[in-house]
Amino acid sequence: MARTVNHEKNKFKSVLREGVEEKGRRAARSTDVYVPKEGLSDGTSCRECGMTYKSKRWTLEKVETSGVKILCPACKRMHDHTPAGVVHLSGSYLQDHKEEIMNTLRHTEATSRTKNPLGRIMDITEDAEGITVTTTEEKLAQKLGREVYKSQSGELHYKWNRDNNLVRVEWMR
């Protein structure tokens, strides 16, 4: 009987172990096709914006190096016109407070770039339905929407598309 109990315990442990291994496996750092899977060497710089790759991060330091010059992930997205985030602002309130809202967007991008230099506003377009802002990073789009919501209130909605690494943020008031 002790053997049966022991066997049952081991069976239970193996089931747990499989679950833990499955959950505990390291996921790929990013599924974004614009982020290279292999590491880059320190001193690599972007030939477009001049950012430098250092200690496994893109930095705003513009250092003249004889290292490899490539396009950083943000510049690649901009060249391909493939945003990672789309923020749509709409409503009658928008027209009366457009300048203040635009300042919020620009300020949020500037402060965010100090932490993540790959997060940039790609384009801002205005039409009869409102203002559309495209970004190179999902997190920046979320942050832009959140900051406009915090300063102006209104309604804020997020829609994620994990297959395309895209987030749509809609703010209205």
N, C-alpha and C. Protein backbone atom coordinates (compact mmCIF):
# COMPACT_ATOMS: atom_id res chain seq x y z
N MET A 1 0.83 -1.18 0.00
CA MET A 1 0.00 0.00 0.00
C MET A 1 0.88 1.25 0.00
N ALA A 2 1.95 1.22 0.74
CA ALA A 2 2.85 2.36 0.78
C ALA A 2 3.39 2.64 -0.61
N ARG A 3 3.65 1.56 -1.36
CA ARG A 3 4.14 1.74 -2.71
C ARG A 3 3.11 2.45 -3.59
N THR A 4 1.88 2.09 -3.46
CA THR A 4 0.82 2.71 -4.25
C THR A 4 0.70 4.19 -3.92
N VAL A 5 0.73 4.50 -2.65
CA VAL A 5 0.65 5.89 -2.22
C VAL A 5 1.86 6.65 -2.76
N ASN A 6 3.04 6.05 -2.61
CA ASN A 6 4.25 6.67 -3.10
C ASN A 6 4.16 6.90 -4.61
N HIS A 7 3.69 5.88 -5.32
CA HIS A 7 3.53 5.99 -6.76
C HIS A 7 2.56 7.13 -7.11
N GLU A 8 1.48 7.19 -6.36
CA GLU A 8 0.51 8.25 -6.59
C GLU A 8 1.13 9.63 -6.35
N LYS A 9 1.98 9.73 -5.29
CA LYS A 9 2.65 10.99 -5.01
C LYS A 9 3.57 11.36 -6.16
N ASN A 10 4.34 10.39 -6.65
CA ASN A 10 5.27 10.66 -7.76
C ASN A 10 4.50 11.03 -9.02
N LYS A 11 3.39 10.36 -9.24
CA LYS A 11 2.56 10.69 -10.39
C LYS A 11 2.07 12.13 -10.28
N PHE A 12 1.65 12.50 -9.07
CA PHE A 12 1.18 13.86 -8.83
C PHE A 12 2.33 14.86 -9.04
N LYS A 13 3.51 14.53 -8.54
CA LYS A 13 4.67 15.40 -8.70
C LYS A 13 5.00 15.60 -10.17
N SER A 14 4.94 14.50 -10.95
CA SER A 14 5.30 14.64 -12.36
C SER A 14 4.27 15.50 -13.10
N VAL A 15 3.01 15.37 -12.69
CA VAL A 15 2.00 16.23 -13.30
C VAL A 15 2.28 17.68 -12.95
N LEU A 16 2.61 17.93 -11.69
CA LEU A 16 2.95 19.29 -11.27
C LEU A 16 4.19 19.78 -12.00
N ARG A 17 5.19 18.90 -12.10
CA ARG A 17 6.43 19.29 -12.72
C ARG A 17 6.21 19.68 -14.18
N GLU A 18 5.39 18.90 -14.87
CA GLU A 18 5.10 19.23 -16.26
C GLU A 18 4.42 20.59 -16.36
N GLY A 19 3.46 20.83 -15.46
CA GLY A 19 2.79 22.12 -15.46
C GLY A 19 3.73 23.27 -15.16
N VAL A 20 4.62 23.04 -14.17
CA VAL A 20 5.56 24.08 -13.80
C VAL A 20 6.54 24.32 -14.94
N GLU A 21 7.04 23.25 -15.53
CA GLU A 21 7.97 23.42 -16.64
C GLU A 21 7.31 24.15 -17.79
N GLU A 22 6.06 23.80 -18.04
CA GLU A 22 5.35 24.46 -19.13
C GLU A 22 5.16 25.95 -18.82
N LYS A 23 4.73 26.24 -17.59
CA LYS A 23 4.53 27.63 -17.21
C LYS A 23 5.85 28.35 -17.02
N GLY A 24 6.83 27.66 -16.47
CA GLY A 24 8.08 28.28 -16.11
C GLY A 24 9.07 28.44 -17.25
N ARG A 25 8.74 27.92 -18.41
CA ARG A 25 9.67 28.05 -19.53
C ARG A 25 9.86 29.50 -19.88
N ARG A 26 11.06 29.79 -20.30
CA ARG A 26 11.35 31.16 -20.71
C ARG A 26 10.70 31.43 -22.05
N ALA A 27 9.95 32.47 -22.08
CA ALA A 27 9.33 32.89 -23.33
C ALA A 27 10.33 33.74 -24.09
N ALA A 28 10.15 33.81 -25.38
CA ALA A 28 11.00 34.68 -26.17
C ALA A 28 10.86 36.09 -25.65
N ARG A 29 11.95 36.83 -25.61
CA ARG A 29 11.93 38.18 -25.05
C ARG A 29 10.92 39.04 -25.79
N SER A 30 10.86 38.90 -27.10
CA SER A 30 9.93 39.70 -27.87
C SER A 30 9.53 38.92 -29.11
N THR A 31 8.27 39.02 -29.48
CA THR A 31 7.81 38.39 -30.71
C THR A 31 7.75 39.42 -31.83
N ASP A 32 8.23 40.60 -31.57
CA ASP A 32 8.23 41.69 -32.54
C ASP A 32 9.25 41.39 -33.63
N VAL A 33 8.80 41.38 -34.88
CA VAL A 33 9.70 41.07 -35.99
C VAL A 33 10.73 42.17 -36.22
N TYR A 34 10.52 43.33 -35.66
CA TYR A 34 11.46 44.44 -35.83
C TYR A 34 12.61 44.39 -34.82
N VAL A 35 12.48 43.57 -33.80
CA VAL A 35 13.55 43.41 -32.83
C VAL A 35 14.36 42.19 -33.23
N PRO A 36 15.67 42.34 -33.49
CA PRO A 36 16.47 41.20 -33.93
C PRO A 36 16.54 40.11 -32.87
N LYS A 37 16.44 38.87 -33.30
CA LYS A 37 16.46 37.73 -32.38
C LYS A 37 17.86 37.56 -31.79
N GLU A 38 18.86 37.75 -32.60
CA GLU A 38 20.24 37.63 -32.11
C GLU A 38 20.67 38.97 -31.53
N GLY A 39 21.60 38.91 -30.64
CA GLY A 39 22.07 40.14 -30.01
C GLY A 39 22.92 40.96 -30.97
N LEU A 40 22.99 42.22 -30.69
CA LEU A 40 23.84 43.12 -31.47
C LEU A 40 25.10 43.40 -30.66
N SER A 41 26.15 43.75 -31.33
CA SER A 41 27.38 44.06 -30.60
C SER A 41 27.33 45.50 -30.12
N ASP A 42 27.96 45.74 -28.97
CA ASP A 42 28.04 47.10 -28.43
C ASP A 42 28.72 48.00 -29.46
N GLY A 43 28.23 49.22 -29.57
CA GLY A 43 28.80 50.16 -30.52
C GLY A 43 28.05 50.20 -31.84
N THR A 44 27.10 49.26 -32.03
CA THR A 44 26.27 49.31 -33.23
C THR A 44 25.42 50.57 -33.15
N SER A 45 25.30 51.27 -34.26
CA SER A 45 24.51 52.50 -34.23
C SER A 45 23.50 52.51 -35.37
N CYS A 46 22.51 53.36 -35.22
CA CYS A 46 21.48 53.50 -36.24
C CYS A 46 21.94 54.55 -37.24
N ARG A 47 21.93 54.18 -38.50
CA ARG A 47 22.39 55.12 -39.53
C ARG A 47 21.39 56.23 -39.78
N GLU A 48 20.15 56.07 -39.30
CA GLU A 48 19.11 57.07 -39.50
C GLU A 48 19.05 58.09 -38.36
N CYS A 49 18.88 57.60 -37.12
CA CYS A 49 18.68 58.50 -35.98
C CYS A 49 19.93 58.68 -35.13
N GLY A 50 20.92 57.83 -35.31
CA GLY A 50 22.18 57.97 -34.58
C GLY A 50 22.22 57.32 -33.21
N MET A 51 21.15 56.66 -32.78
CA MET A 51 21.17 55.99 -31.47
C MET A 51 22.23 54.90 -31.48
N THR A 52 22.72 54.57 -30.29
CA THR A 52 23.77 53.57 -30.16
C THR A 52 23.27 52.40 -29.33
N TYR A 53 23.66 51.20 -29.74
CA TYR A 53 23.32 49.99 -28.99
C TYR A 53 24.44 49.72 -28.00
N LYS A 54 24.08 49.71 -26.70
CA LYS A 54 25.07 49.56 -25.65
C LYS A 54 24.46 48.77 -24.50
N SER A 55 25.15 47.76 -24.04
CA SER A 55 24.70 46.93 -22.91
C SER A 55 23.30 46.38 -23.15
N LYS A 56 23.06 45.86 -24.33
CA LYS A 56 21.80 45.22 -24.71
C LYS A 56 20.61 46.15 -24.77
N ARG A 57 20.88 47.46 -24.95
CA ARG A 57 19.81 48.46 -25.04
C ARG A 57 20.18 49.51 -26.06
N TRP A 58 19.17 50.08 -26.69
CA TRP A 58 19.39 51.24 -27.55
C TRP A 58 19.39 52.46 -26.65
N THR A 59 20.38 53.33 -26.81
CA THR A 59 20.48 54.52 -25.99
C THR A 59 20.48 55.76 -26.86
N LEU A 60 20.13 56.88 -26.26
CA LEU A 60 20.11 58.14 -26.99
C LEU A 60 21.51 58.72 -27.21
N GLU A 61 22.51 58.10 -26.60
CA GLU A 61 23.88 58.56 -26.79
C GLU A 61 24.25 58.43 -28.26
N LYS A 62 24.65 59.53 -28.85
CA LYS A 62 25.07 59.49 -30.24
C LYS A 62 26.59 59.53 -30.26
N VAL A 63 27.17 58.35 -30.40
CA VAL A 63 28.62 58.20 -30.36
C VAL A 63 29.10 57.82 -31.75
N GLU A 64 30.07 58.54 -32.25
CA GLU A 64 30.66 58.18 -33.53
C GLU A 64 31.54 56.96 -33.32
N THR A 65 31.15 55.87 -33.92
CA THR A 65 31.93 54.64 -33.80
C THR A 65 32.21 54.11 -35.19
N SER A 66 33.20 53.26 -35.24
CA SER A 66 33.49 52.60 -36.52
C SER A 66 32.76 51.27 -36.57
N GLY A 67 31.84 51.07 -35.61
CA GLY A 67 31.06 49.84 -35.55
C GLY A 67 30.04 49.76 -36.67
N VAL A 68 29.23 48.73 -36.59
CA VAL A 68 28.22 48.44 -37.60
C VAL A 68 27.13 49.50 -37.54
N LYS A 69 26.65 49.93 -38.71
CA LYS A 69 25.54 50.88 -38.78
C LYS A 69 24.36 50.16 -39.42
N ILE A 70 23.26 50.13 -38.69
CA ILE A 70 22.04 49.48 -39.16
C ILE A 70 20.87 50.43 -38.89
N LEU A 71 19.67 49.99 -39.22
CA LEU A 71 18.47 50.73 -38.83
C LEU A 71 17.98 50.15 -37.51
N CYS A 72 17.74 51.01 -36.53
CA CYS A 72 17.18 50.54 -35.26
C CYS A 72 15.73 50.09 -35.50
N PRO A 73 15.15 49.33 -34.59
CA PRO A 73 13.77 48.86 -34.77
C PRO A 73 12.76 49.99 -35.01
N ALA A 74 12.94 51.13 -34.34
CA ALA A 74 12.00 52.25 -34.52
C ALA A 74 12.11 52.82 -35.93
N CYS A 75 13.31 53.01 -36.41
CA CYS A 75 13.50 53.55 -37.77
C CYS A 75 13.00 52.57 -38.83
N LYS A 76 13.18 51.26 -38.59
CA LYS A 76 12.65 50.25 -39.52
C LYS A 76 11.13 50.37 -39.61
N ARG A 77 10.47 50.48 -38.46
CA ARG A 77 9.01 50.63 -38.45
C ARG A 77 8.59 51.87 -39.21
N MET A 78 9.32 52.96 -39.01
CA MET A 78 8.97 54.22 -39.68
C MET A 78 9.15 54.09 -41.19
N HIS A 79 10.20 53.43 -41.64
CA HIS A 79 10.42 53.24 -43.07
C HIS A 79 9.36 52.34 -43.69
N ASP A 80 8.92 51.33 -42.93
CA ASP A 80 7.91 50.40 -43.44
C ASP A 80 6.48 50.91 -43.24
N HIS A 81 6.32 52.03 -42.54
CA HIS A 81 4.99 52.57 -42.21
C HIS A 81 4.14 51.52 -41.51
N THR A 82 4.75 50.85 -40.52
CA THR A 82 4.08 49.79 -39.77
C THR A 82 4.07 50.16 -38.29
N PRO A 83 3.02 50.81 -37.83
CA PRO A 83 2.97 51.21 -36.42
C PRO A 83 2.73 50.03 -35.48
N ALA A 84 3.20 50.17 -34.25
CA ALA A 84 2.91 49.19 -33.21
C ALA A 84 1.74 49.68 -32.36
N GLY A 85 1.42 50.97 -32.49
CA GLY A 85 0.32 51.53 -31.73
C GLY A 85 -0.40 52.60 -32.52
N VAL A 86 -1.71 52.63 -32.40
CA VAL A 86 -2.53 53.64 -33.06
C VAL A 86 -3.44 54.25 -31.99
N VAL A 87 -3.32 55.55 -31.82
CA VAL A 87 -4.14 56.26 -30.84
C VAL A 87 -5.10 57.15 -31.62
N HIS A 88 -6.39 56.98 -31.38
CA HIS A 88 -7.39 57.81 -32.06
C HIS A 88 -8.11 58.66 -31.01
N LEU A 89 -8.05 59.96 -31.19
CA LEU A 89 -8.69 60.91 -30.28
C LEU A 89 -9.88 61.53 -31.00
N SER A 90 -11.03 61.55 -30.36
CA SER A 90 -12.22 62.09 -31.03
C SER A 90 -13.16 62.74 -30.03
N GLY A 91 -14.16 63.42 -30.57
CA GLY A 91 -15.19 64.06 -29.75
C GLY A 91 -15.17 65.56 -29.92
N SER A 92 -16.28 66.19 -29.57
CA SER A 92 -16.40 67.64 -29.72
C SER A 92 -15.46 68.39 -28.78
N TYR A 93 -15.14 67.80 -27.65
CA TYR A 93 -14.24 68.41 -26.67
C TYR A 93 -12.84 68.60 -27.27
N LEU A 94 -12.46 67.71 -28.15
CA LEU A 94 -11.12 67.71 -28.75
C LEU A 94 -10.80 69.02 -29.46
N GLN A 95 -11.74 69.53 -30.24
CA GLN A 95 -11.49 70.75 -31.00
C GLN A 95 -11.25 71.96 -30.10
N ASP A 96 -11.95 72.04 -29.00
CA ASP A 96 -11.79 73.17 -28.08
C ASP A 96 -10.49 73.12 -27.28
N HIS A 97 -9.93 71.93 -27.10
CA HIS A 97 -8.73 71.75 -26.27
C HIS A 97 -7.60 71.09 -27.04
N LYS A 98 -7.59 71.26 -28.35
CA LYS A 98 -6.62 70.59 -29.22
C LYS A 98 -5.17 70.93 -28.86
N GLU A 99 -4.88 72.20 -28.65
CA GLU A 99 -3.50 72.60 -28.37
C GLU A 99 -2.99 71.98 -27.07
N GLU A 100 -3.83 71.98 -26.06
CA GLU A 100 -3.46 71.39 -24.76
C GLU A 100 -3.22 69.88 -24.90
N ILE A 101 -4.08 69.21 -25.65
CA ILE A 101 -3.96 67.77 -25.85
C ILE A 101 -2.70 67.45 -26.66
N MET A 102 -2.42 68.25 -27.68
CA MET A 102 -1.21 68.03 -28.48
C MET A 102 0.04 68.23 -27.62
N ASN A 103 0.03 69.21 -26.74
CA ASN A 103 1.15 69.41 -25.82
C ASN A 103 1.34 68.21 -24.90
N THR A 104 0.23 67.64 -24.44
CA THR A 104 0.29 66.44 -23.60
C THR A 104 0.93 65.29 -24.36
N LEU A 105 0.55 65.11 -25.63
CA LEU A 105 1.12 64.04 -26.45
C LEU A 105 2.63 64.22 -26.62
N ARG A 106 3.04 65.41 -26.98
CA ARG A 106 4.47 65.69 -27.21
C ARG A 106 5.29 65.54 -25.92
N HIS A 107 4.75 66.05 -24.82
CA HIS A 107 5.45 65.96 -23.54
C HIS A 107 5.58 64.50 -23.10
N THR A 108 4.53 63.73 -23.28
CA THR A 108 4.55 62.32 -22.90
C THR A 108 5.58 61.56 -23.73
N GLU A 109 5.63 61.84 -25.02
CA GLU A 109 6.63 61.17 -25.87
C GLU A 109 8.04 61.53 -25.40
N ALA A 110 8.29 62.80 -25.14
CA ALA A 110 9.62 63.25 -24.74
C ALA A 110 10.07 62.60 -23.43
N THR A 111 9.19 62.55 -22.45
CA THR A 111 9.58 61.95 -21.17
C THR A 111 9.72 60.44 -21.30
N SER A 112 8.92 59.82 -22.14
CA SER A 112 8.98 58.39 -22.34
C SER A 112 10.27 57.98 -23.06
N ARG A 113 10.74 58.82 -23.96
CA ARG A 113 11.96 58.49 -24.72
C ARG A 113 13.19 58.43 -23.85
N THR A 114 13.19 59.11 -22.71
CA THR A 114 14.35 59.02 -21.83
C THR A 114 14.49 57.61 -21.26
N LYS A 115 13.36 56.93 -21.08
CA LYS A 115 13.36 55.57 -20.56
C LYS A 115 13.46 54.54 -21.69
N ASN A 116 12.73 54.77 -22.77
CA ASN A 116 12.73 53.86 -23.91
C ASN A 116 12.86 54.66 -25.20
N PRO A 117 14.09 54.82 -25.71
CA PRO A 117 14.29 55.65 -26.89
C PRO A 117 13.69 55.08 -28.17
N LEU A 118 13.27 53.81 -28.16
CA LEU A 118 12.65 53.25 -29.35
C LEU A 118 11.18 53.63 -29.48
N GLY A 119 10.59 54.16 -28.43
CA GLY A 119 9.19 54.58 -28.45
C GLY A 119 9.08 55.99 -29.01
N ARG A 120 8.53 56.10 -30.21
CA ARG A 120 8.42 57.41 -30.87
C ARG A 120 7.04 57.57 -31.50
N ILE A 121 6.66 58.81 -31.65
CA ILE A 121 5.47 59.11 -32.45
C ILE A 121 5.90 59.08 -33.90
N MET A 122 5.24 58.27 -34.70
CA MET A 122 5.57 58.17 -36.12
C MET A 122 4.91 59.29 -36.91
N ASP A 123 3.61 59.48 -36.63
CA ASP A 123 2.85 60.42 -37.43
C ASP A 123 1.62 60.88 -36.65
N ILE A 124 1.21 62.10 -36.89
CA ILE A 124 -0.02 62.64 -36.32
C ILE A 124 -0.84 63.18 -37.49
N THR A 125 -2.03 62.62 -37.67
CA THR A 125 -2.90 63.08 -38.75
C THR A 125 -4.21 63.55 -38.17
N GLU A 126 -4.77 64.54 -38.81
CA GLU A 126 -6.02 65.12 -38.35
C GLU A 126 -7.02 65.08 -39.49
N ASP A 127 -8.25 64.66 -39.17
CA ASP A 127 -9.33 64.67 -40.16
C ASP A 127 -10.62 65.09 -39.46
N ALA A 128 -11.72 64.98 -40.15
CA ALA A 128 -13.00 65.42 -39.60
C ALA A 128 -13.42 64.59 -38.38
N GLU A 129 -12.94 63.34 -38.29
CA GLU A 129 -13.33 62.46 -37.18
C GLU A 129 -12.46 62.64 -35.94
N GLY A 130 -11.31 63.29 -36.08
CA GLY A 130 -10.44 63.49 -34.92
C GLY A 130 -8.97 63.46 -35.29
N ILE A 131 -8.17 63.09 -34.33
CA ILE A 131 -6.71 63.03 -34.50
C ILE A 131 -6.26 61.59 -34.33
N THR A 132 -5.38 61.13 -35.23
CA THR A 132 -4.82 59.79 -35.15
C THR A 132 -3.32 59.91 -35.01
N VAL A 133 -2.79 59.24 -33.98
CA VAL A 133 -1.37 59.23 -33.70
C VAL A 133 -0.87 57.80 -33.85
N THR A 134 0.19 57.59 -34.64
CA THR A 134 0.78 56.27 -34.76
C THR A 134 2.13 56.28 -34.05
N THR A 135 2.45 55.14 -33.40
CA THR A 135 3.67 55.04 -32.61
C THR A 135 4.47 53.81 -33.00
N THR A 136 5.75 53.82 -32.62
CA THR A 136 6.63 52.69 -32.91
C THR A 136 6.60 51.63 -31.82
N GLU A 137 5.98 51.92 -30.69
CA GLU A 137 5.91 50.99 -29.57
C GLU A 137 4.49 50.91 -29.02
N GLU A 138 4.06 49.72 -28.65
CA GLU A 138 2.73 49.53 -28.05
C GLU A 138 2.60 50.30 -26.75
N LYS A 139 3.63 50.22 -25.91
CA LYS A 139 3.57 50.86 -24.60
C LYS A 139 3.42 52.37 -24.71
N LEU A 140 4.07 52.98 -25.70
CA LEU A 140 3.94 54.42 -25.88
C LEU A 140 2.51 54.79 -26.24
N ALA A 141 1.87 54.02 -27.11
CA ALA A 141 0.48 54.29 -27.48
C ALA A 141 -0.42 54.22 -26.25
N GLN A 142 -0.21 53.21 -25.42
CA GLN A 142 -0.99 53.07 -24.20
C GLN A 142 -0.76 54.26 -23.28
N LYS A 143 0.50 54.66 -23.16
CA LYS A 143 0.85 55.78 -22.28
C LYS A 143 0.24 57.08 -22.79
N LEU A 144 0.26 57.31 -24.10
CA LEU A 144 -0.33 58.52 -24.66
C LEU A 144 -1.82 58.60 -24.33
N GLY A 145 -2.52 57.50 -24.55
CA GLY A 145 -3.94 57.46 -24.24
C GLY A 145 -4.21 57.69 -22.77
N ARG A 146 -3.41 57.05 -21.92
CA ARG A 146 -3.59 57.17 -20.47
C ARG A 146 -3.34 58.61 -19.99
N GLU A 147 -2.31 59.26 -20.54
CA GLU A 147 -1.99 60.63 -20.12
C GLU A 147 -3.06 61.63 -20.58
N VAL A 148 -3.60 61.44 -21.78
CA VAL A 148 -4.69 62.31 -22.24
C VAL A 148 -5.91 62.08 -21.36
N TYR A 149 -6.18 60.83 -21.03
CA TYR A 149 -7.31 60.51 -20.16
C TYR A 149 -7.13 61.14 -18.77
N LYS A 150 -5.92 61.04 -18.21
CA LYS A 150 -5.67 61.60 -16.88
C LYS A 150 -5.81 63.12 -16.86
N SER A 151 -5.39 63.77 -17.94
CA SER A 151 -5.45 65.24 -17.93
C SER A 151 -6.80 65.79 -18.40
N GLN A 152 -7.53 65.04 -19.22
CA GLN A 152 -8.76 65.56 -19.81
C GLN A 152 -10.01 64.75 -19.47
N SER A 153 -9.86 63.63 -18.78
CA SER A 153 -10.92 62.66 -18.52
C SER A 153 -11.52 62.16 -19.83
N GLY A 154 -12.76 61.74 -19.85
CA GLY A 154 -13.37 61.19 -21.06
C GLY A 154 -13.48 59.68 -20.97
N GLU A 155 -13.48 59.02 -22.13
CA GLU A 155 -13.54 57.56 -22.21
C GLU A 155 -12.28 57.06 -22.88
N LEU A 156 -11.73 55.96 -22.37
CA LEU A 156 -10.50 55.39 -22.91
C LEU A 156 -10.70 53.89 -23.09
N HIS A 157 -10.35 53.40 -24.29
CA HIS A 157 -10.49 51.97 -24.60
C HIS A 157 -9.22 51.48 -25.28
N TYR A 158 -8.81 50.25 -24.94
CA TYR A 158 -7.66 49.60 -25.56
C TYR A 158 -8.13 48.36 -26.32
N LYS A 159 -7.52 48.12 -27.47
CA LYS A 159 -7.79 46.89 -28.23
C LYS A 159 -6.45 46.35 -28.70
N TRP A 160 -6.10 45.13 -28.23
CA TRP A 160 -4.83 44.54 -28.58
C TRP A 160 -4.99 43.52 -29.69
N ASN A 161 -4.04 43.49 -30.59
CA ASN A 161 -3.95 42.46 -31.61
C ASN A 161 -2.57 41.83 -31.45
N ARG A 162 -2.50 40.72 -30.71
CA ARG A 162 -1.22 40.09 -30.39
C ARG A 162 -0.53 39.51 -31.62
N ASP A 163 -1.30 39.10 -32.63
CA ASP A 163 -0.69 38.53 -33.82
C ASP A 163 0.18 39.54 -34.55
N ASN A 164 -0.23 40.78 -34.57
CA ASN A 164 0.50 41.81 -35.29
C ASN A 164 1.27 42.75 -34.38
N ASN A 165 1.33 42.45 -33.07
CA ASN A 165 1.98 43.35 -32.11
C ASN A 165 1.46 44.77 -32.29
N LEU A 166 0.16 44.92 -32.19
CA LEU A 166 -0.47 46.21 -32.41
C LEU A 166 -1.50 46.48 -31.31
N VAL A 167 -1.52 47.71 -30.83
CA VAL A 167 -2.55 48.12 -29.89
C VAL A 167 -3.27 49.33 -30.48
N ARG A 168 -4.57 49.34 -30.35
CA ARG A 168 -5.38 50.50 -30.76
C ARG A 168 -5.95 51.11 -29.49
N VAL A 169 -5.73 52.40 -29.37
CA VAL A 169 -6.19 53.13 -28.19
C VAL A 169 -7.20 54.18 -28.68
N GLU A 170 -8.37 54.19 -28.08
CA GLU A 170 -9.39 55.15 -28.48
C GLU A 170 -9.77 55.99 -27.27
N TRP A 171 -9.64 57.31 -27.44
CA TRP A 171 -10.06 58.25 -26.40
C TRP A 171 -11.11 59.15 -27.01
N MET A 172 -12.17 59.41 -26.25
CA MET A 172 -13.22 60.31 -26.76
C MET A 172 -13.81 61.11 -25.60
N ARG A 173 -14.23 62.28 -25.95
CA ARG A 173 -14.93 63.13 -24.99
C ARG A 173 -15.68 64.20 -25.74
